[in-house]
Amino acid sequence: MADYPSYLPCPSWEYAQQVDTFQRRTPMDCGWVRQRRRYFSAHTAIELSFVLPTEDFALWQDFMDANGYNSWFNIDLDDYGSGKETTSVRLTSSTMYDYSKFDKIQVTVSAEVQQ
């Protein structure tokens, strides 16, 4: 499991988090329910927002392409006021980005948290 690089900015503290009981289901070809639960615990979906300098965007995207979608990686997230907590996440959506200022890019991506 890879660690998020310390030279890249951490996500902003304004990230969304929700418990989603419909993630991680296995599609089935027959039966009255077309999906079966793979795990019986609820999973947490989060939306991460990163603000990075334009020159760091390529490095950030390279790391996410190599580690973000196919495997879990560790990243430090705010734990509601008392500091940072290392959390294992995996990206679940494509990245959306826009220029927030002349030299800053804001990137938003959805992920799931490994419990």
N, C-alpha and C. Protein backbone atom coordinates (compact mmCIF):
# COMPACT_ATOMS: atom_id res chain seq x y z
N MET A 1 0.85 -1.17 0.00
CA MET A 1 0.00 0.00 0.00
C MET A 1 0.90 1.23 0.00
N ALA A 2 0.67 2.11 -0.95
CA ALA A 2 1.48 3.32 -1.09
C ALA A 2 1.05 4.40 -0.11
N ASP A 3 1.96 5.27 0.21
CA ASP A 3 1.67 6.44 1.04
C ASP A 3 1.60 7.67 0.15
N TYR A 4 0.63 8.53 0.43
CA TYR A 4 0.51 9.79 -0.30
C TYR A 4 1.77 10.61 -0.05
N PRO A 5 2.40 11.14 -1.09
CA PRO A 5 3.68 11.85 -0.92
C PRO A 5 3.54 13.10 -0.06
N SER A 6 4.53 13.30 0.80
CA SER A 6 4.50 14.45 1.71
C SER A 6 4.76 15.77 0.99
N TYR A 7 5.36 15.74 -0.21
CA TYR A 7 5.64 16.97 -0.94
C TYR A 7 4.42 17.49 -1.71
N LEU A 8 3.32 16.71 -1.74
CA LEU A 8 2.09 17.16 -2.38
C LEU A 8 1.12 17.67 -1.33
N PRO A 9 0.26 18.63 -1.66
CA PRO A 9 -0.66 19.18 -0.66
C PRO A 9 -1.72 18.16 -0.22
N CYS A 10 -2.07 18.23 1.04
CA CYS A 10 -3.14 17.39 1.58
C CYS A 10 -4.49 17.96 1.15
N PRO A 11 -5.54 17.16 1.20
CA PRO A 11 -6.86 17.69 0.85
C PRO A 11 -7.29 18.75 1.84
N SER A 12 -8.13 19.66 1.37
CA SER A 12 -8.62 20.71 2.25
C SER A 12 -9.50 20.10 3.34
N TRP A 13 -9.72 20.84 4.40
CA TRP A 13 -10.52 20.31 5.50
C TRP A 13 -11.99 20.27 5.15
N GLU A 14 -12.37 20.82 4.04
CA GLU A 14 -13.77 20.82 3.64
C GLU A 14 -14.07 19.61 2.76
N TYR A 15 -13.95 18.42 3.31
CA TYR A 15 -14.31 17.25 2.52
C TYR A 15 -15.60 16.65 3.05
N ALA A 16 -16.36 16.07 2.15
CA ALA A 16 -17.65 15.48 2.51
C ALA A 16 -17.44 14.01 2.85
N GLN A 17 -18.26 13.52 3.75
CA GLN A 17 -18.16 12.11 4.14
C GLN A 17 -19.55 11.58 4.40
N GLN A 18 -19.85 10.39 3.88
CA GLN A 18 -21.15 9.78 4.12
C GLN A 18 -21.00 8.27 4.19
N VAL A 19 -21.84 7.65 5.00
CA VAL A 19 -21.86 6.20 5.08
C VAL A 19 -22.78 5.69 3.99
N ASP A 20 -22.29 4.78 3.17
CA ASP A 20 -23.03 4.29 2.02
C ASP A 20 -23.13 2.77 2.13
N THR A 21 -24.34 2.26 2.31
CA THR A 21 -24.52 0.82 2.46
C THR A 21 -24.63 0.11 1.13
N PHE A 22 -24.63 0.84 0.01
CA PHE A 22 -24.82 0.21 -1.28
C PHE A 22 -23.53 0.04 -2.06
N GLN A 23 -22.42 0.41 -1.48
CA GLN A 23 -21.15 0.15 -2.14
C GLN A 23 -20.76 -1.30 -1.94
N ARG A 24 -19.84 -1.75 -2.76
CA ARG A 24 -19.27 -3.08 -2.66
C ARG A 24 -20.31 -4.17 -2.75
N ARG A 25 -21.12 -4.11 -3.76
CA ARG A 25 -22.08 -5.17 -4.00
C ARG A 25 -21.65 -5.94 -5.24
N THR A 26 -21.99 -7.19 -5.28
CA THR A 26 -21.65 -8.06 -6.40
C THR A 26 -22.87 -8.20 -7.31
N PRO A 27 -22.77 -7.84 -8.58
CA PRO A 27 -23.92 -8.02 -9.48
C PRO A 27 -24.20 -9.50 -9.73
N MET A 28 -25.45 -9.85 -9.80
CA MET A 28 -25.87 -11.23 -10.02
C MET A 28 -26.69 -11.30 -11.30
N ASP A 29 -26.58 -12.39 -12.03
CA ASP A 29 -27.30 -12.55 -13.29
C ASP A 29 -28.74 -13.01 -13.11
N CYS A 30 -29.04 -13.65 -12.00
CA CYS A 30 -30.39 -14.15 -11.82
C CYS A 30 -30.83 -13.94 -10.37
N GLY A 31 -32.11 -14.13 -10.12
CA GLY A 31 -32.66 -13.94 -8.79
C GLY A 31 -33.47 -12.65 -8.74
N TRP A 32 -34.29 -12.53 -7.73
CA TRP A 32 -35.15 -11.35 -7.65
C TRP A 32 -34.39 -10.10 -7.22
N VAL A 33 -33.23 -10.26 -6.58
CA VAL A 33 -32.37 -9.12 -6.27
C VAL A 33 -31.15 -9.24 -7.18
N ARG A 34 -30.85 -8.22 -7.94
CA ARG A 34 -29.79 -8.29 -8.93
C ARG A 34 -28.40 -8.03 -8.36
N GLN A 35 -28.32 -7.69 -7.08
CA GLN A 35 -27.02 -7.49 -6.44
C GLN A 35 -27.04 -8.14 -5.07
N ARG A 36 -25.91 -8.69 -4.67
CA ARG A 36 -25.76 -9.28 -3.34
C ARG A 36 -24.66 -8.54 -2.62
N ARG A 37 -24.82 -8.37 -1.35
CA ARG A 37 -23.77 -7.72 -0.56
C ARG A 37 -22.54 -8.59 -0.49
N ARG A 38 -21.39 -7.98 -0.68
CA ARG A 38 -20.13 -8.70 -0.50
C ARG A 38 -19.69 -8.64 0.94
N TYR A 39 -20.00 -7.52 1.61
CA TYR A 39 -19.62 -7.32 3.01
C TYR A 39 -20.84 -6.77 3.73
N PHE A 40 -20.98 -7.08 5.00
CA PHE A 40 -22.16 -6.66 5.73
C PHE A 40 -21.93 -5.42 6.58
N SER A 41 -20.80 -4.78 6.45
CA SER A 41 -20.57 -3.53 7.17
C SER A 41 -20.79 -2.36 6.21
N ALA A 42 -21.15 -1.22 6.77
CA ALA A 42 -21.33 -0.02 5.96
C ALA A 42 -19.97 0.55 5.59
N HIS A 43 -19.88 1.17 4.44
CA HIS A 43 -18.64 1.75 3.98
C HIS A 43 -18.81 3.26 3.85
N THR A 44 -17.72 3.95 3.94
CA THR A 44 -17.76 5.40 3.93
C THR A 44 -17.26 5.93 2.61
N ALA A 45 -18.06 6.81 2.00
CA ALA A 45 -17.67 7.49 0.78
C ALA A 45 -17.28 8.91 1.13
N ILE A 46 -16.20 9.40 0.54
CA ILE A 46 -15.76 10.77 0.81
C ILE A 46 -15.50 11.49 -0.52
N GLU A 47 -15.55 12.78 -0.46
CA GLU A 47 -15.19 13.61 -1.60
C GLU A 47 -14.04 14.50 -1.16
N LEU A 48 -12.92 14.36 -1.85
CA LEU A 48 -11.71 15.08 -1.48
C LEU A 48 -11.50 16.26 -2.42
N SER A 49 -11.04 17.36 -1.86
CA SER A 49 -10.74 18.54 -2.65
C SER A 49 -9.30 18.96 -2.37
N PHE A 50 -8.50 19.08 -3.41
CA PHE A 50 -7.11 19.47 -3.30
C PHE A 50 -6.92 20.82 -4.00
N VAL A 51 -6.15 21.70 -3.41
CA VAL A 51 -5.76 22.95 -4.06
C VAL A 51 -4.25 22.89 -4.21
N LEU A 52 -3.79 22.88 -5.46
CA LEU A 52 -2.36 22.74 -5.69
C LEU A 52 -1.85 23.74 -6.71
N PRO A 53 -0.58 24.07 -6.59
CA PRO A 53 0.03 24.93 -7.61
C PRO A 53 0.02 24.23 -8.97
N THR A 54 -0.07 25.00 -10.03
CA THR A 54 -0.16 24.39 -11.37
C THR A 54 1.04 23.51 -11.67
N GLU A 55 2.22 23.85 -11.15
CA GLU A 55 3.40 23.03 -11.45
C GLU A 55 3.38 21.69 -10.73
N ASP A 56 2.58 21.53 -9.68
CA ASP A 56 2.47 20.26 -8.95
C ASP A 56 1.36 19.35 -9.48
N PHE A 57 0.51 19.88 -10.35
CA PHE A 57 -0.64 19.11 -10.82
C PHE A 57 -0.21 17.84 -11.55
N ALA A 58 0.80 17.92 -12.40
CA ALA A 58 1.27 16.73 -13.13
C ALA A 58 1.80 15.67 -12.18
N LEU A 59 2.54 16.07 -11.13
CA LEU A 59 3.04 15.11 -10.14
C LEU A 59 1.88 14.45 -9.40
N TRP A 60 0.90 15.26 -9.01
CA TRP A 60 -0.27 14.75 -8.30
C TRP A 60 -1.02 13.75 -9.17
N GLN A 61 -1.26 14.10 -10.44
CA GLN A 61 -2.00 13.23 -11.33
C GLN A 61 -1.25 11.94 -11.61
N ASP A 62 0.07 12.01 -11.73
CA ASP A 62 0.87 10.80 -11.93
C ASP A 62 0.75 9.85 -10.75
N PHE A 63 0.80 10.39 -9.51
CA PHE A 63 0.65 9.54 -8.33
C PHE A 63 -0.73 8.90 -8.30
N MET A 64 -1.77 9.69 -8.55
CA MET A 64 -3.13 9.17 -8.49
C MET A 64 -3.38 8.13 -9.59
N ASP A 65 -2.84 8.35 -10.78
CA ASP A 65 -3.01 7.36 -11.85
C ASP A 65 -2.32 6.04 -11.50
N ALA A 66 -1.17 6.12 -10.86
CA ALA A 66 -0.41 4.92 -10.51
C ALA A 66 -0.96 4.21 -9.27
N ASN A 67 -1.51 4.95 -8.30
CA ASN A 67 -1.87 4.36 -7.00
C ASN A 67 -3.31 4.56 -6.57
N GLY A 68 -4.03 5.46 -7.17
CA GLY A 68 -5.33 5.85 -6.64
C GLY A 68 -6.50 4.96 -7.00
N TYR A 69 -6.46 4.33 -8.16
CA TYR A 69 -7.65 3.61 -8.63
C TYR A 69 -7.57 2.11 -8.47
N ASN A 70 -6.41 1.53 -8.65
CA ASN A 70 -6.29 0.07 -8.62
C ASN A 70 -5.98 -0.49 -7.24
N SER A 71 -5.56 0.35 -6.33
CA SER A 71 -5.19 -0.13 -5.00
C SER A 71 -5.49 0.95 -3.96
N TRP A 72 -5.40 0.57 -2.71
CA TRP A 72 -5.59 1.52 -1.61
C TRP A 72 -4.30 2.27 -1.38
N PHE A 73 -4.40 3.51 -0.90
CA PHE A 73 -3.22 4.26 -0.50
C PHE A 73 -3.54 5.01 0.78
N ASN A 74 -2.50 5.31 1.56
CA ASN A 74 -2.65 6.01 2.85
C ASN A 74 -2.51 7.50 2.64
N ILE A 75 -3.41 8.26 3.26
CA ILE A 75 -3.37 9.71 3.18
C ILE A 75 -3.79 10.27 4.53
N ASP A 76 -3.21 11.40 4.92
CA ASP A 76 -3.58 12.06 6.18
C ASP A 76 -4.79 12.94 5.96
N LEU A 77 -5.87 12.69 6.73
CA LEU A 77 -7.08 13.50 6.67
C LEU A 77 -7.34 14.10 8.04
N ASP A 78 -8.00 15.26 8.07
CA ASP A 78 -8.37 15.87 9.34
C ASP A 78 -9.32 14.95 10.09
N ASP A 79 -9.13 14.86 11.40
CA ASP A 79 -10.04 14.03 12.20
C ASP A 79 -10.91 14.91 13.09
N TYR A 80 -11.54 15.90 12.47
CA TYR A 80 -12.54 16.75 13.12
C TYR A 80 -11.97 17.55 14.27
N GLY A 81 -10.83 18.19 14.07
CA GLY A 81 -10.36 19.18 15.01
C GLY A 81 -9.13 18.84 15.82
N SER A 82 -8.83 17.58 16.04
CA SER A 82 -7.71 17.28 16.93
C SER A 82 -6.42 16.95 16.18
N GLY A 83 -6.40 17.07 14.88
CA GLY A 83 -5.17 16.80 14.14
C GLY A 83 -5.43 16.02 12.88
N LYS A 84 -4.45 15.25 12.48
CA LYS A 84 -4.53 14.43 11.27
C LYS A 84 -4.59 12.96 11.63
N GLU A 85 -5.30 12.20 10.80
CA GLU A 85 -5.39 10.75 10.98
C GLU A 85 -5.08 10.09 9.64
N THR A 86 -4.19 9.11 9.65
CA THR A 86 -3.85 8.39 8.43
C THR A 86 -4.99 7.44 8.08
N THR A 87 -5.49 7.56 6.85
CA THR A 87 -6.64 6.81 6.40
C THR A 87 -6.32 6.13 5.08
N SER A 88 -6.79 4.91 4.90
CA SER A 88 -6.61 4.19 3.64
C SER A 88 -7.81 4.46 2.75
N VAL A 89 -7.56 4.97 1.55
CA VAL A 89 -8.62 5.32 0.62
C VAL A 89 -8.31 4.77 -0.78
N ARG A 90 -9.35 4.69 -1.60
CA ARG A 90 -9.23 4.33 -3.01
C ARG A 90 -10.18 5.23 -3.79
N LEU A 91 -9.72 5.79 -4.88
CA LEU A 91 -10.53 6.70 -5.68
C LEU A 91 -11.63 5.95 -6.42
N THR A 92 -12.80 6.59 -6.53
CA THR A 92 -13.94 5.94 -7.18
C THR A 92 -14.53 6.76 -8.32
N SER A 93 -13.98 7.94 -8.59
CA SER A 93 -14.50 8.76 -9.68
C SER A 93 -13.34 9.38 -10.45
N SER A 94 -13.66 9.93 -11.58
CA SER A 94 -12.63 10.65 -12.31
C SER A 94 -12.38 11.99 -11.63
N THR A 95 -11.25 12.58 -11.93
CA THR A 95 -10.91 13.86 -11.30
C THR A 95 -11.57 15.00 -12.06
N MET A 96 -12.09 15.95 -11.30
CA MET A 96 -12.63 17.18 -11.86
C MET A 96 -11.74 18.31 -11.38
N TYR A 97 -11.36 19.18 -12.25
CA TYR A 97 -10.48 20.27 -11.82
C TYR A 97 -10.85 21.56 -12.52
N ASP A 98 -10.51 22.66 -11.85
CA ASP A 98 -10.66 23.99 -12.43
C ASP A 98 -9.61 24.91 -11.81
N TYR A 99 -9.37 25.99 -12.49
CA TYR A 99 -8.41 26.97 -12.00
C TYR A 99 -9.13 27.89 -11.04
N SER A 100 -8.69 27.89 -9.78
CA SER A 100 -9.31 28.76 -8.80
C SER A 100 -8.66 30.13 -8.79
N LYS A 101 -7.41 30.19 -9.13
CA LYS A 101 -6.66 31.44 -9.25
C LYS A 101 -5.73 31.27 -10.45
N PHE A 102 -4.92 32.26 -10.70
CA PHE A 102 -4.00 32.19 -11.84
C PHE A 102 -3.04 31.02 -11.72
N ASP A 103 -2.50 30.77 -10.52
CA ASP A 103 -1.47 29.74 -10.36
C ASP A 103 -1.92 28.56 -9.50
N LYS A 104 -3.22 28.41 -9.26
CA LYS A 104 -3.74 27.32 -8.42
C LYS A 104 -4.80 26.52 -9.17
N ILE A 105 -4.78 25.21 -8.98
CA ILE A 105 -5.79 24.32 -9.53
C ILE A 105 -6.51 23.66 -8.38
N GLN A 106 -7.84 23.64 -8.44
CA GLN A 106 -8.63 22.92 -7.44
C GLN A 106 -9.13 21.64 -8.08
N VAL A 107 -8.78 20.51 -7.44
CA VAL A 107 -9.13 19.18 -7.95
C VAL A 107 -10.10 18.54 -6.97
N THR A 108 -11.17 17.95 -7.48
CA THR A 108 -12.15 17.24 -6.66
C THR A 108 -12.28 15.82 -7.19
N VAL A 109 -12.28 14.86 -6.25
CA VAL A 109 -12.39 13.45 -6.63
C VAL A 109 -13.10 12.69 -5.50
N SER A 110 -13.90 11.70 -5.85
CA SER A 110 -14.58 10.87 -4.86
C SER A 110 -13.74 9.65 -4.54
N ALA A 111 -13.89 9.16 -3.32
CA ALA A 111 -13.13 8.00 -2.86
C ALA A 111 -13.95 7.22 -1.85
N GLU A 112 -13.49 6.01 -1.55
CA GLU A 112 -14.08 5.22 -0.48
C GLU A 112 -13.01 4.94 0.56
N VAL A 113 -13.44 4.82 1.79
CA VAL A 113 -12.53 4.62 2.92
C VAL A 113 -12.53 3.15 3.29
N GLN A 114 -11.33 2.61 3.49
CA GLN A 114 -11.21 1.22 3.93
C GLN A 114 -11.42 1.18 5.44
N GLN A 115 -12.38 0.39 5.88
CA GLN A 115 -12.70 0.31 7.32
C GLN A 115 -11.86 -0.72 8.01
